[in-house]
């Protein structure tokens, strides 16, 4: 059930600045903010650790290398 809340003008202006596109609702902006503060899943944490290990081991390609390989 939709409900109304009161917010200050300063908070409204801050929410407006955080919109990705003009027609994005304040609810969508708030959900994006909530998502940013949620804990990462164990699978994501594991993947990040693996990626960090790959980078330390030199198992990566720079953007310039990829562009050259693709002929861009």
C-alpha atoms as a PDB file:
ATOM      1  CA  UNK A   1       0.000   0.000   0.000  1.00  0.00           C
ATOM      2  CA  UNK A   2       1.538   3.338  -1.024  1.00  0.00           C
ATOM      3  CA  UNK A   3       2.100   5.895   1.675  1.00  0.00           C
ATOM      4  CA  UNK A   4       3.306   9.479   1.901  1.00  0.00           C
ATOM      5  CA  UNK A   5       6.263  10.672   3.924  1.00  0.00           C
ATOM      6  CA  UNK A   6       7.469  14.147   4.739  1.00  0.00           C
ATOM      7  CA  UNK A   7      11.036  15.056   3.910  1.00  0.00           C
ATOM      8  CA  UNK A   8      12.956  18.292   4.140  1.00  0.00           C
ATOM      9  CA  UNK A   9      13.650  20.398   1.082  1.00  0.00           C
ATOM     10  CA  UNK A  10      17.364  19.659   1.535  1.00  0.00           C
ATOM     11  CA  UNK A  11      16.730  15.898   1.389  1.00  0.00           C
ATOM     12  CA  UNK A  12      14.467  16.292  -1.652  1.00  0.00           C
ATOM     13  CA  UNK A  13      17.230  18.202  -3.447  1.00  0.00           C
ATOM     14  CA  UNK A  14      19.738  15.484  -2.548  1.00  0.00           C
ATOM     15  CA  UNK A  15      17.403  12.775  -3.891  1.00  0.00           C
ATOM     16  CA  UNK A  16      16.978  14.753  -7.116  1.00  0.00           C
ATOM     17  CA  UNK A  17      20.778  14.893  -7.539  1.00  0.00           C
ATOM     18  CA  UNK A  18      20.991  11.109  -7.151  1.00  0.00           C
ATOM     19  CA  UNK A  19      18.519  10.327  -9.922  1.00  0.00           C
ATOM     20  CA  UNK A  20      20.025   8.499 -12.893  1.00  0.00           C
ATOM     21  CA  UNK A  21      17.301   9.783 -15.221  1.00  0.00           C
ATOM     22  CA  UNK A  22      14.600  12.469 -14.974  1.00  0.00           C
ATOM     23  CA  UNK A  23      11.600  10.141 -14.682  1.00  0.00           C
ATOM     24  CA  UNK A  24      13.165   7.995 -11.954  1.00  0.00           C
ATOM     25  CA  UNK A  25      10.972   7.996  -8.858  1.00  0.00           C
ATOM     26  CA  UNK A  26      12.145   8.861  -5.366  1.00  0.00           C
ATOM     27  CA  UNK A  27      11.300   5.283  -4.386  1.00  0.00           C
ATOM     28  CA  UNK A  28      13.726   3.965  -7.002  1.00  0.00           C
ATOM     29  CA  UNK A  29      16.425   6.335  -5.751  1.00  0.00           C
ATOM     30  CA  UNK A  30      15.870   5.173  -2.160  1.00  0.00           C
ATOM     31  CA  UNK A  31      15.991   1.484  -3.173  1.00  0.00           C
ATOM     32  CA  UNK A  32      19.292   2.128  -4.970  1.00  0.00           C
ATOM     33  CA  UNK A  33      20.677   3.700  -1.787  1.00  0.00           C
ATOM     34  CA  UNK A  34      19.504   0.759   0.311  1.00  0.00           C
ATOM     35  CA  UNK A  35      21.037  -1.711  -2.129  1.00  0.00           C
ATOM     36  CA  UNK A  36      24.389   0.100  -1.855  1.00  0.00           C
ATOM     37  CA  UNK A  37      24.473  -0.578   1.887  1.00  0.00           C
ATOM     38  CA  UNK A  38      23.477  -4.243   1.806  1.00  0.00           C
ATOM     39  CA  UNK A  39      25.977  -6.986   2.565  1.00  0.00           C
ATOM     40  CA  UNK A  40      27.599  -8.756  -0.378  1.00  0.00           C
ATOM     41  CA  UNK A  41      26.693 -12.402  -0.874  1.00  0.00           C
ATOM     42  CA  UNK A  42      29.276 -15.037   0.000  1.00  0.00           C
ATOM     43  CA  UNK A  43      29.533 -15.945  -3.688  1.00  0.00           C
ATOM     44  CA  UNK A  44      30.296 -12.324  -4.618  1.00  0.00           C
ATOM     45  CA  UNK A  45      32.901 -12.076  -1.859  1.00  0.00           C
ATOM     46  CA  UNK A  46      34.566 -15.254  -3.170  1.00  0.00           C
ATOM     47  CA  UNK A  47      34.557 -13.933  -6.748  1.00  0.00           C
ATOM     48  CA  UNK A  48      36.126 -10.654  -5.598  1.00  0.00           C
ATOM     49  CA  UNK A  49      38.882 -12.519  -3.779  1.00  0.00           C
ATOM     50  CA  UNK A  50      39.550 -14.640  -6.879  1.00  0.00           C
ATOM     51  CA  UNK A  51      39.683 -11.517  -9.047  1.00  0.00           C
ATOM     52  CA  UNK A  52      42.120  -9.837  -6.658  1.00  0.00           C
ATOM     53  CA  UNK A  53      44.327 -12.945  -6.726  1.00  0.00           C
ATOM     54  CA  UNK A  54      44.259 -12.983 -10.540  1.00  0.00           C
ATOM     55  CA  UNK A  55      45.317  -9.326 -10.651  1.00  0.00           C
ATOM     56  CA  UNK A  56      48.166  -9.944  -8.205  1.00  0.00           C
ATOM     57  CA  UNK A  57      49.294 -12.880 -10.357  1.00  0.00           C
ATOM     58  CA  UNK A  58      49.260 -10.694 -13.466  1.00  0.00           C
ATOM     59  CA  UNK A  59      46.315 -12.528 -15.022  1.00  0.00           C
ATOM     60  CA  UNK A  60      44.587  -9.534 -16.594  1.00  0.00           C
ATOM     61  CA  UNK A  61      44.542  -7.440 -19.760  1.00  0.00           C
ATOM     62  CA  UNK A  62      44.610  -3.672 -19.918  1.00  0.00           C
ATOM     63  CA  UNK A  63      41.988  -1.779 -21.874  1.00  0.00           C
ATOM     64  CA  UNK A  64      44.666  -0.766 -24.373  1.00  0.00           C
ATOM     65  CA  UNK A  65      45.621  -4.428 -24.910  1.00  0.00           C
ATOM     66  CA  UNK A  66      42.018  -5.457 -25.487  1.00  0.00           C
ATOM     67  CA  UNK A  67      41.415  -2.583 -27.907  1.00  0.00           C
ATOM     68  CA  UNK A  68      44.550  -3.500 -29.854  1.00  0.00           C
ATOM     69  CA  UNK A  69      43.526  -7.171 -29.989  1.00  0.00           C
ATOM     70  CA  UNK A  70      40.056  -6.239 -31.218  1.00  0.00           C
ATOM     71  CA  UNK A  71      41.404  -3.686 -33.691  1.00  0.00           C
ATOM     72  CA  UNK A  72      39.655  -0.750 -32.099  1.00  0.00           C
END
